[in-house]
Structures are given as structure tokens and as C-alpha cells.
Full PDB file with SEQRES, HELIX, SHEET, SSBOND, CRYST1, ORIGX, SCALE, CONECT and MASTER records, all heavy atoms in Angstrom:
SEQRES   1 A   37  ILE SER ALA ALA GLY SER GLU LYS LEU THR LYS GLY PHE          
SEQRES   2 A   37  GLY PRO LEU LEU PRO GLY PHE ARG GLN LEU PRO PHE GLY          
SEQRES   3 A   37  ASP HIS ASP ALA LEU ARG GLU ALA ALA ALA ALA                  
HELIX    1 AA1 GLU A    7  THR A   10  1                                   4    
HELIX    2 AA2 HIS A   28  ALA A   35  1                                   8    
CRYST1    1.000    1.000    1.000  90.00  90.00  90.00 P 1           1          
ORIGX1      1.000000  0.000000  0.000000        0.00000                         
ORIGX2      0.000000  1.000000  0.000000        0.00000                         
ORIGX3      0.000000  0.000000  1.000000        0.00000                         
SCALE1      1.000000  0.000000  0.000000        0.00000                         
SCALE2      0.000000  1.000000  0.000000        0.00000                         
SCALE3      0.000000  0.000000  1.000000        0.00000                         
ATOM      1  N   ILE A   1     -58.355 -39.796  61.454  1.00  0.00           N  
ATOM      2  CA  ILE A   1     -58.005 -38.476  62.002  1.00  0.00           C  
ATOM      3  C   ILE A   1     -57.278 -37.632  60.958  1.00  0.00           C  
ATOM      4  O   ILE A   1     -57.385 -36.400  60.967  1.00  0.00           O  
ATOM      5  CB  ILE A   1     -57.188 -38.576  63.306  1.00  0.00           C  
ATOM      6  CG1 ILE A   1     -55.811 -39.200  63.080  1.00  0.00           C  
ATOM      7  CG2 ILE A   1     -57.982 -39.324  64.370  1.00  0.00           C  
ATOM      8  CD1 ILE A   1     -54.907 -39.148  64.314  1.00  0.00           C  
ATOM      9  N   SER A   2     -56.574 -38.274  60.047  1.00  0.00           N  
ATOM     10  CA  SER A   2     -55.951 -37.530  58.949  1.00  0.00           C  
ATOM     11  C   SER A   2     -57.017 -36.928  58.059  1.00  0.00           C  
ATOM     12  O   SER A   2     -56.862 -35.812  57.548  1.00  0.00           O  
ATOM     13  CB  SER A   2     -55.036 -38.440  58.135  1.00  0.00           C  
ATOM     14  OG  SER A   2     -53.980 -38.955  58.911  1.00  0.00           O  
ATOM     15  N   ALA A   3     -58.105 -37.650  57.867  1.00  0.00           N  
ATOM     16  CA  ALA A   3     -59.214 -37.136  57.060  1.00  0.00           C  
ATOM     17  C   ALA A   3     -59.866 -35.942  57.721  1.00  0.00           C  
ATOM     18  O   ALA A   3     -60.188 -34.949  57.066  1.00  0.00           O  
ATOM     19  CB  ALA A   3     -60.247 -38.241  56.838  1.00  0.00           C  
ATOM     20  N   ALA A   4     -60.065 -36.009  59.040  1.00  0.00           N  
ATOM     21  CA  ALA A   4     -60.716 -34.909  59.757  1.00  0.00           C  
ATOM     22  C   ALA A   4     -59.786 -33.710  59.896  1.00  0.00           C  
ATOM     23  O   ALA A   4     -60.181 -32.571  59.655  1.00  0.00           O  
ATOM     24  CB  ALA A   4     -61.185 -35.380  61.126  1.00  0.00           C  
ATOM     25  N   GLY A   5     -58.559 -33.969  60.327  1.00  0.00           N  
ATOM     26  CA  GLY A   5     -57.535 -32.933  60.325  1.00  0.00           C  
ATOM     27  C   GLY A   5     -57.514 -31.975  61.488  1.00  0.00           C  
ATOM     28  O   GLY A   5     -56.617 -31.130  61.580  1.00  0.00           O  
ATOM     29  N   SER A   6     -58.468 -32.041  62.407  1.00  0.00           N  
ATOM     30  CA  SER A   6     -58.511 -31.055  63.494  1.00  0.00           C  
ATOM     31  C   SER A   6     -57.377 -31.294  64.489  1.00  0.00           C  
ATOM     32  O   SER A   6     -56.952 -32.433  64.713  1.00  0.00           O  
ATOM     33  CB  SER A   6     -59.851 -31.130  64.220  1.00  0.00           C  
ATOM     34  OG  SER A   6     -59.971 -32.332  64.946  1.00  0.00           O  
ATOM     35  N   GLU A   7     -56.917 -30.225  65.112  1.00  0.00           N  
ATOM     36  CA  GLU A   7     -55.834 -30.342  66.084  1.00  0.00           C  
ATOM     37  C   GLU A   7     -56.236 -31.218  67.266  1.00  0.00           C  
ATOM     38  O   GLU A   7     -55.432 -31.984  67.799  1.00  0.00           O  
ATOM     39  CB  GLU A   7     -55.422 -28.961  66.591  1.00  0.00           C  
ATOM     40  CG  GLU A   7     -54.250 -28.999  67.562  1.00  0.00           C  
ATOM     41  CD  GLU A   7     -53.842 -27.635  68.072  1.00  0.00           C  
ATOM     42  OE1 GLU A   7     -54.569 -26.659  67.799  1.00  0.00           O  
ATOM     43  OE2 GLU A   7     -52.796 -27.544  68.755  1.00  0.00           O  
ATOM     44  N   LYS A   8     -57.505 -31.127  67.672  1.00  0.00           N  
ATOM     45  CA  LYS A   8     -57.980 -31.920  68.794  1.00  0.00           C  
ATOM     46  C   LYS A   8     -57.773 -33.406  68.552  1.00  0.00           C  
ATOM     47  O   LYS A   8     -57.429 -34.157  69.476  1.00  0.00           O  
ATOM     48  CB  LYS A   8     -59.469 -31.629  69.026  1.00  0.00           C  
ATOM     49  CG  LYS A   8     -60.092 -32.446  70.140  1.00  0.00           C  
ATOM     50  CD  LYS A   8     -61.567 -32.130  70.288  1.00  0.00           C  
ATOM     51  CE  LYS A   8     -62.225 -33.008  71.358  1.00  0.00           C  
ATOM     52  NZ  LYS A   8     -63.674 -32.729  71.489  1.00  0.00           N  
ATOM     53  N   LEU A   9     -57.970 -33.847  67.333  1.00  0.00           N  
ATOM     54  CA  LEU A   9     -57.842 -35.262  67.007  1.00  0.00           C  
ATOM     55  C   LEU A   9     -56.415 -35.664  66.649  1.00  0.00           C  
ATOM     56  O   LEU A   9     -56.011 -36.801  66.883  1.00  0.00           O  
ATOM     57  CB  LEU A   9     -58.765 -35.619  65.838  1.00  0.00           C  
ATOM     58  CG  LEU A   9     -60.269 -35.575  66.109  1.00  0.00           C  
ATOM     59  CD1 LEU A   9     -61.039 -35.751  64.800  1.00  0.00           C  
ATOM     60  CD2 LEU A   9     -60.670 -36.656  67.102  1.00  0.00           C  
ATOM     61  N   THR A  10     -55.643 -34.742  66.069  1.00  0.00           N  
ATOM     62  CA  THR A  10     -54.364 -35.123  65.463  1.00  0.00           C  
ATOM     63  C   THR A  10     -53.134 -34.768  66.286  1.00  0.00           C  
ATOM     64  O   THR A  10     -52.060 -35.325  66.039  1.00  0.00           O  
ATOM     65  CB  THR A  10     -54.212 -34.450  64.089  1.00  0.00           C  
ATOM     66  OG1 THR A  10     -54.209 -33.021  64.257  1.00  0.00           O  
ATOM     67  CG2 THR A  10     -55.364 -34.840  63.160  1.00  0.00           C  
ATOM     68  N   LYS A  11     -53.255 -33.861  67.262  1.00  0.00           N  
ATOM     69  CA  LYS A  11     -52.081 -33.386  67.992  1.00  0.00           C  
ATOM     70  C   LYS A  11     -51.345 -34.541  68.661  1.00  0.00           C  
ATOM     71  O   LYS A  11     -51.925 -35.330  69.414  1.00  0.00           O  
ATOM     72  CB  LYS A  11     -52.497 -32.358  69.046  1.00  0.00           C  
ATOM     73  CG  LYS A  11     -51.312 -31.699  69.745  1.00  0.00           C  
ATOM     74  CD  LYS A  11     -51.770 -30.616  70.713  1.00  0.00           C  
ATOM     75  CE  LYS A  11     -50.597 -29.942  71.388  1.00  0.00           C  
ATOM     76  NZ  LYS A  11     -51.056 -28.877  72.326  1.00  0.00           N  
ATOM     77  N   GLY A  12     -50.062 -34.654  68.366  1.00  0.00           N  
ATOM     78  CA  GLY A  12     -49.223 -35.681  68.964  1.00  0.00           C  
ATOM     79  C   GLY A  12     -49.193 -37.001  68.227  1.00  0.00           C  
ATOM     80  O   GLY A  12     -48.459 -37.915  68.622  1.00  0.00           O  
ATOM     81  N   PHE A  13     -49.971 -37.119  67.146  1.00  0.00           N  
ATOM     82  CA  PHE A  13     -50.063 -38.391  66.441  1.00  0.00           C  
ATOM     83  C   PHE A  13     -49.446 -38.339  65.041  1.00  0.00           C  
ATOM     84  O   PHE A  13     -49.677 -39.241  64.238  1.00  0.00           O  
ATOM     85  CB  PHE A  13     -51.523 -38.841  66.346  1.00  0.00           C  
ATOM     86  CG  PHE A  13     -52.153 -39.104  67.685  1.00  0.00           C  
ATOM     87  CD1 PHE A  13     -53.210 -38.330  68.124  1.00  0.00           C  
ATOM     88  CD2 PHE A  13     -51.668 -40.098  68.513  1.00  0.00           C  
ATOM     89  CE1 PHE A  13     -53.798 -38.560  69.362  1.00  0.00           C  
ATOM     90  CE2 PHE A  13     -52.245 -40.336  69.752  1.00  0.00           C  
ATOM     91  CZ  PHE A  13     -53.313 -39.568  70.186  1.00  0.00           C  
ATOM     92  N   GLY A  14     -48.667 -37.319  64.757  1.00  0.00           N  
ATOM     93  CA  GLY A  14     -48.052 -37.214  63.450  1.00  0.00           C  
ATOM     94  C   GLY A  14     -46.908 -38.205  63.279  1.00  0.00           C  
ATOM     95  O   GLY A  14     -46.438 -38.802  64.255  1.00  0.00           O  
ATOM     96  N   PRO A  15     -46.430 -38.407  62.029  1.00  0.00           N  
ATOM     97  CA  PRO A  15     -46.943 -37.757  60.824  1.00  0.00           C  
ATOM     98  C   PRO A  15     -48.283 -38.356  60.386  1.00  0.00           C  
ATOM     99  O   PRO A  15     -48.512 -39.565  60.506  1.00  0.00           O  
ATOM    100  CB  PRO A  15     -45.867 -38.041  59.779  1.00  0.00           C  
ATOM    101  CG  PRO A  15     -45.251 -39.329  60.238  1.00  0.00           C  
ATOM    102  CD  PRO A  15     -45.292 -39.302  61.743  1.00  0.00           C  
ATOM    103  N   LEU A  16     -49.149 -37.481  59.891  1.00  0.00           N  
ATOM    104  CA  LEU A  16     -50.450 -37.922  59.412  1.00  0.00           C  
ATOM    105  C   LEU A  16     -50.337 -38.470  57.996  1.00  0.00           C  
ATOM    106  O   LEU A  16     -49.359 -38.210  57.287  1.00  0.00           O  
ATOM    107  CB  LEU A  16     -51.438 -36.762  59.451  1.00  0.00           C  
ATOM    108  CG  LEU A  16     -51.662 -36.139  60.829  1.00  0.00           C  
ATOM    109  CD1 LEU A  16     -52.622 -34.957  60.712  1.00  0.00           C  
ATOM    110  CD2 LEU A  16     -52.190 -37.161  61.823  1.00  0.00           C  
ATOM    111  N   LEU A  17     -51.365 -39.198  57.583  1.00  0.00           N  
ATOM    112  CA  LEU A  17     -51.367 -39.747  56.237  1.00  0.00           C  
ATOM    113  C   LEU A  17     -51.687 -38.656  55.220  1.00  0.00           C  
ATOM    114  O   LEU A  17     -52.570 -37.824  55.444  1.00  0.00           O  
ATOM    115  CB  LEU A  17     -52.413 -40.854  56.124  1.00  0.00           C  
ATOM    116  CG  LEU A  17     -52.176 -42.114  56.961  1.00  0.00           C  
ATOM    117  CD1 LEU A  17     -53.292 -43.112  56.703  1.00  0.00           C  
ATOM    118  CD2 LEU A  17     -50.828 -42.735  56.645  1.00  0.00           C  
ATOM    119  N   PRO A  18     -50.989 -38.653  54.108  1.00  0.00           N  
ATOM    120  CA  PRO A  18     -51.325 -37.696  53.047  1.00  0.00           C  
ATOM    121  C   PRO A  18     -52.583 -38.138  52.305  1.00  0.00           C  
ATOM    122  O   PRO A  18     -53.109 -39.234  52.525  1.00  0.00           O  
ATOM    123  CB  PRO A  18     -50.105 -37.751  52.136  1.00  0.00           C  
ATOM    124  CG  PRO A  18     -49.578 -39.151  52.315  1.00  0.00           C  
ATOM    125  CD  PRO A  18     -49.845 -39.513  53.751  1.00  0.00           C  
ATOM    126  N   GLY A  19     -53.067 -37.267  51.432  1.00  0.00           N  
ATOM    127  CA  GLY A  19     -54.171 -37.647  50.578  1.00  0.00           C  
ATOM    128  C   GLY A  19     -55.519 -37.106  51.003  1.00  0.00           C  
ATOM    129  O   GLY A  19     -56.542 -37.505  50.448  1.00  0.00           O  
ATOM    130  N   PHE A  20     -55.522 -36.185  51.981  1.00  0.00           N  
ATOM    131  CA  PHE A  20     -56.764 -35.544  52.409  1.00  0.00           C  
ATOM    132  C   PHE A  20     -56.604 -34.036  52.362  1.00  0.00           C  
ATOM    133  O   PHE A  20     -55.534 -33.508  52.674  1.00  0.00           O  
ATOM    134  CB  PHE A  20     -57.147 -35.975  53.826  1.00  0.00           C  
ATOM    135  CG  PHE A  20     -57.340 -37.449  53.977  1.00  0.00           C  
ATOM    136  CD1 PHE A  20     -56.322 -38.247  54.493  1.00  0.00           C  
ATOM    137  CD2 PHE A  20     -58.525 -38.049  53.589  1.00  0.00           C  
ATOM    138  CE1 PHE A  20     -56.487 -39.616  54.632  1.00  0.00           C  
ATOM    139  CE2 PHE A  20     -58.700 -39.426  53.716  1.00  0.00           C  
ATOM    140  CZ  PHE A  20     -57.679 -40.205  54.238  1.00  0.00           C  
ATOM    141  N   ARG A  21     -57.656 -33.359  51.965  1.00  0.00           N  
ATOM    142  CA  ARG A  21     -57.632 -31.893  51.921  1.00  0.00           C  
ATOM    143  C   ARG A  21     -58.887 -31.383  52.615  1.00  0.00           C  
ATOM    144  O   ARG A  21     -59.999 -31.636  52.166  1.00  0.00           O  
ATOM    145  CB  ARG A  21     -57.579 -31.412  50.472  1.00  0.00           C  
ATOM    146  CG  ARG A  21     -57.310 -29.917  50.310  1.00  0.00           C  
ATOM    147  CD  ARG A  21     -57.052 -29.602  48.828  1.00  0.00           C  
ATOM    148  NE  ARG A  21     -55.962 -30.416  48.308  1.00  0.00           N  
ATOM    149  CZ  ARG A  21     -55.839 -30.787  47.035  1.00  0.00           C  
ATOM    150  NH1 ARG A  21     -56.746 -30.436  46.146  1.00  0.00           N  
ATOM    151  NH2 ARG A  21     -54.813 -31.527  46.648  1.00  0.00           N  
ATOM    152  N   GLN A  22     -58.685 -30.710  53.772  1.00  0.00           N  
ATOM    153  CA  GLN A  22     -59.812 -30.217  54.548  1.00  0.00           C  
ATOM    154  C   GLN A  22     -60.241 -28.842  54.040  1.00  0.00           C  
ATOM    155  O   GLN A  22     -59.397 -27.962  53.787  1.00  0.00           O  
ATOM    156  CB  GLN A  22     -59.456 -30.125  56.033  1.00  0.00           C  
ATOM    157  CG  GLN A  22     -59.246 -31.467  56.711  1.00  0.00           C  
ATOM    158  CD  GLN A  22     -57.831 -32.015  56.516  1.00  0.00           C  
ATOM    159  OE1 GLN A  22     -56.896 -31.261  56.313  1.00  0.00           O  
ATOM    160  NE2 GLN A  22     -57.687 -33.332  56.594  1.00  0.00           N  
ATOM    161  N   LEU A  23     -61.546 -28.655  53.919  1.00  0.00           N  
ATOM    162  CA  LEU A  23     -62.114 -27.401  53.436  1.00  0.00           C  
ATOM    163  C   LEU A  23     -62.982 -26.769  54.514  1.00  0.00           C  
ATOM    164  O   LEU A  23     -63.542 -27.471  55.364  1.00  0.00           O  
ATOM    165  CB  LEU A  23     -62.975 -27.656  52.189  1.00  0.00           C  
ATOM    166  CG  LEU A  23     -62.276 -28.326  51.013  1.00  0.00           C  
ATOM    167  CD1 LEU A  23     -63.292 -28.629  49.915  1.00  0.00           C  
ATOM    168  CD2 LEU A  23     -61.153 -27.457  50.479  1.00  0.00           C  
ATOM    169  N   PRO A  24     -63.129 -25.440  54.491  1.00  0.00           N  
ATOM    170  CA  PRO A  24     -64.002 -24.786  55.471  1.00  0.00           C  
ATOM    171  C   PRO A  24     -65.445 -25.259  55.299  1.00  0.00           C  
ATOM    172  O   PRO A  24     -65.919 -25.448  54.176  1.00  0.00           O  
ATOM    173  CB  PRO A  24     -63.867 -23.295  55.144  1.00  0.00           C  
ATOM    174  CG  PRO A  24     -62.591 -23.179  54.370  1.00  0.00           C  
ATOM    175  CD  PRO A  24     -62.448 -24.460  53.614  1.00  0.00           C  
ATOM    176  N   PHE A  25     -66.144 -25.450  56.392  1.00  0.00           N  
ATOM    177  CA  PHE A  25     -67.538 -25.877  56.367  1.00  0.00           C  
ATOM    178  C   PHE A  25     -68.393 -24.764  55.768  1.00  0.00           C  
ATOM    179  O   PHE A  25     -68.381 -23.635  56.244  1.00  0.00           O  
ATOM    180  CB  PHE A  25     -68.008 -26.193  57.791  1.00  0.00           C  
ATOM    181  CG  PHE A  25     -69.374 -26.814  57.875  1.00  0.00           C  
ATOM    182  CD1 PHE A  25     -69.539 -28.178  57.725  1.00  0.00           C  
ATOM    183  CD2 PHE A  25     -70.495 -26.040  58.110  1.00  0.00           C  
ATOM    184  CE1 PHE A  25     -70.788 -28.770  57.813  1.00  0.00           C  
ATOM    185  CE2 PHE A  25     -71.756 -26.616  58.204  1.00  0.00           C  
ATOM    186  CZ  PHE A  25     -71.903 -27.993  58.054  1.00  0.00           C  
ATOM    187  N   GLY A  26     -69.092 -25.070  54.689  1.00  0.00           N  
ATOM    188  CA  GLY A  26     -69.990 -24.095  54.085  1.00  0.00           C  
ATOM    189  C   GLY A  26     -69.370 -23.146  53.076  1.00  0.00           C  
ATOM    190  O   GLY A  26     -70.067 -22.270  52.560  1.00  0.00           O  
ATOM    191  N   ASP A  27     -68.089 -23.324  52.751  1.00  0.00           N  
ATOM    192  CA  ASP A  27     -67.426 -22.440  51.781  1.00  0.00           C  
ATOM    193  C   ASP A  27     -67.552 -23.057  50.387  1.00  0.00           C  
ATOM    194  O   ASP A  27     -66.744 -23.882  49.969  1.00  0.00           O  
ATOM    195  CB  ASP A  27     -65.951 -22.259  52.153  1.00  0.00           C  
ATOM    196  CG  ASP A  27     -65.259 -21.174  51.327  1.00  0.00           C  
ATOM    197  OD1 ASP A  27     -65.684 -20.940  50.180  1.00  0.00           O  
ATOM    198  OD2 ASP A  27     -64.283 -20.580  51.822  1.00  0.00           O  
ATOM    199  N   HIS A  28     -68.583 -22.638  49.659  1.00  0.00           N  
ATOM    200  CA  HIS A  28     -68.869 -23.243  48.358  1.00  0.00           C  
ATOM    201  C   HIS A  28     -67.809 -22.923  47.314  1.00  0.00           C  
ATOM    202  O   HIS A  28     -67.488 -23.758  46.457  1.00  0.00           O  
ATOM    203  CB  HIS A  28     -70.245 -22.788  47.869  1.00  0.00           C  
ATOM    204  CG  HIS A  28     -71.358 -23.212  48.762  1.00  0.00           C  
ATOM    205  ND1 HIS A  28     -72.243 -22.346  49.329  1.00  0.00           N  
ATOM    206  CD2 HIS A  28     -71.719 -24.442  49.219  1.00  0.00           C  
ATOM    207  CE1 HIS A  28     -73.110 -23.001  50.077  1.00  0.00           C  
ATOM    208  NE2 HIS A  28     -72.815 -24.269  50.034  1.00  0.00           N  
ATOM    209  N   ASP A  29     -67.237 -21.734  47.381  1.00  0.00           N  
ATOM    210  CA  ASP A  29     -66.201 -21.359  46.415  1.00  0.00           C  
ATOM    211  C   ASP A  29     -64.954 -22.220  46.588  1.00  0.00           C  
ATOM    212  O   ASP A  29     -64.369 -22.692  45.596  1.00  0.00           O  
ATOM    213  CB  ASP A  29     -65.849 -19.874  46.565  1.00  0.00           C  
ATOM    214  CG  ASP A  29     -66.979 -18.951  46.135  1.00  0.00           C  
ATOM    215  OD1 ASP A  29     -67.841 -19.394  45.337  1.00  0.00           O  
ATOM    216  OD2 ASP A  29     -67.020 -17.795  46.600  1.00  0.00           O  
ATOM    217  N   ALA A  30     -64.555 -22.418  47.839  1.00  0.00           N  
ATOM    218  CA  ALA A  30     -63.378 -23.247  48.107  1.00  0.00           C  
ATOM    219  C   ALA A  30     -63.625 -24.675  47.651  1.00  0.00           C  
ATOM    220  O   ALA A  30     -62.732 -25.334  47.100  1.00  0.00           O  
ATOM    221  CB  ALA A  30     -63.035 -23.212  49.593  1.00  0.00           C  
ATOM    222  N   LEU A  31     -64.831 -25.161  47.853  1.00  0.00           N  
ATOM    223  CA  LEU A  31     -65.177 -26.524  47.449  1.00  0.00           C  
ATOM    224  C   LEU A  31     -65.128 -26.675  45.932  1.00  0.00           C  
ATOM    225  O   LEU A  31     -64.546 -27.632  45.412  1.00  0.00           O  
ATOM    226  CB  LEU A  31     -66.568 -26.876  47.969  1.00  0.00           C  
ATOM    227  CG  LEU A  31     -67.171 -28.192  47.474  1.00  0.00           C  
ATOM    228  CD1 LEU A  31     -66.308 -29.375  47.874  1.00  0.00           C  
ATOM    229  CD2 LEU A  31     -68.590 -28.359  48.013  1.00  0.00           C  
ATOM    230  N   ARG A  32     -65.724 -25.737  45.231  1.00  0.00           N  
ATOM    231  CA  ARG A  32     -65.760 -25.829  43.774  1.00  0.00           C  
ATOM    232  C   ARG A  32     -64.349 -25.779  43.189  1.00  0.00           C  
ATOM    233  O   ARG A  32     -64.027 -26.529  42.264  1.00  0.00           O  
ATOM    234  CB  ARG A  32     -66.633 -24.701  43.204  1.00  0.00           C  
ATOM    235  CG  ARG A  32     -66.747 -24.729  41.688  1.00  0.00           C  
ATOM    236  CD  ARG A  32     -67.933 -23.946  41.183  1.00  0.00           C  
ATOM    237  NE  ARG A  32     -69.184 -24.644  41.499  1.00  0.00           N  
ATOM    238  CZ  ARG A  32     -69.658 -25.664  40.797  1.00  0.00           C  
ATOM    239  NH1 ARG A  32     -68.994 -26.132  39.746  1.00  0.00           N  
ATOM    240  NH2 ARG A  32     -70.792 -26.239  41.135  1.00  0.00           N  
ATOM    241  N   GLU A  33     -63.509 -24.924  43.743  1.00  0.00           N  
ATOM    242  CA  GLU A  33     -62.130 -24.834  43.260  1.00  0.00           C  
ATOM    243  C   GLU A  33     -61.368 -26.121  43.543  1.00  0.00           C  
ATOM    244  O   GLU A  33     -60.653 -26.650  42.684  1.00  0.00           O  
ATOM    245  CB  GLU A  33     -61.425 -23.656  43.927  1.00  0.00           C  
ATOM    246  CG  GLU A  33     -59.983 -23.479  43.491  1.00  0.00           C  
ATOM    247  CD  GLU A  33     -59.299 -22.309  44.171  1.00  0.00           C  
ATOM    248  OE1 GLU A  33     -59.969 -21.562  44.918  1.00  0.00           O  
ATOM    249  OE2 GLU A  33     -58.071 -22.146  43.961  1.00  0.00           O  
ATOM    250  N   ALA A  34     -61.534 -26.663  44.758  1.00  0.00           N  
ATOM    251  CA  ALA A  34     -60.801 -27.873  45.134  1.00  0.00           C  
ATOM    252  C   ALA A  34     -61.247 -29.075  44.317  1.00  0.00           C  
ATOM    253  O   ALA A  34     -60.433 -29.923  43.937  1.00  0.00           O  
ATOM    254  CB  ALA A  34     -60.991 -28.149  46.624  1.00  0.00           C  
ATOM    255  N   ALA A  35     -62.544 -29.175  44.029  1.00  0.00           N  
ATOM    256  CA  ALA A  35     -63.073 -30.331  43.298  1.00  0.00           C  
ATOM    257  C   ALA A  35     -62.524 -30.430  41.886  1.00  0.00           C  
ATOM    258  O   ALA A  35     -62.497 -31.516  41.299  1.00  0.00           O  
ATOM    259  CB  ALA A  35     -64.595 -30.269  43.268  1.00  0.00           C  
ATOM    260  N   ALA A  36     -62.075 -29.308  41.337  1.00  0.00           N  
ATOM    261  CA  ALA A  36     -61.566 -29.296  39.965  1.00  0.00           C  
ATOM    262  C   ALA A  36     -60.105 -29.713  39.861  1.00  0.00           C  
ATOM    263  O   ALA A  36     -59.591 -29.904  38.756  1.00  0.00           O  
ATOM    264  CB  ALA A  36     -61.750 -27.898  39.368  1.00  0.00           C  
ATOM    265  N   ALA A  37     -59.444 -29.880  41.017  1.00  0.00           N  
ATOM    266  CA  ALA A  37     -58.023 -30.231  40.997  1.00  0.00           C  
ATOM    267  C   ALA A  37     -57.837 -31.629  40.421  1.00  0.00           C  
ATOM    268  O   ALA A  37     -58.630 -32.543  40.703  1.00  0.00           O  
ATOM    269  CB  ALA A  37     -57.444 -30.155  42.399  1.00  0.00           C  
TER     270      ALA A  37                                                      
MASTER        0    0    0    2    0    0    0    6  269    1    0    3          
END                                                                             
């Protein structure tokens, strides 16, 4: 659920595990920028 990150899955179950970064579905610019980190 930390990987998915949606409120539906995660609400009430915090703290979540670090190490995941959720990106908008279909946003190629955001993906390319994030992949270079």
C-alpha cells in the first residue's frame, strides 16, 4: 500500500514505508524527471 499510495488503501495505516514515489498516470515528463534522480 505504500507503493500504491492512494488514500483509499493507506488511510489509517500510517506511518507508511518510505522509498516509493508515486507519479501521475500517463505523465511522461514527470516520469522522465523522476527517473533521473
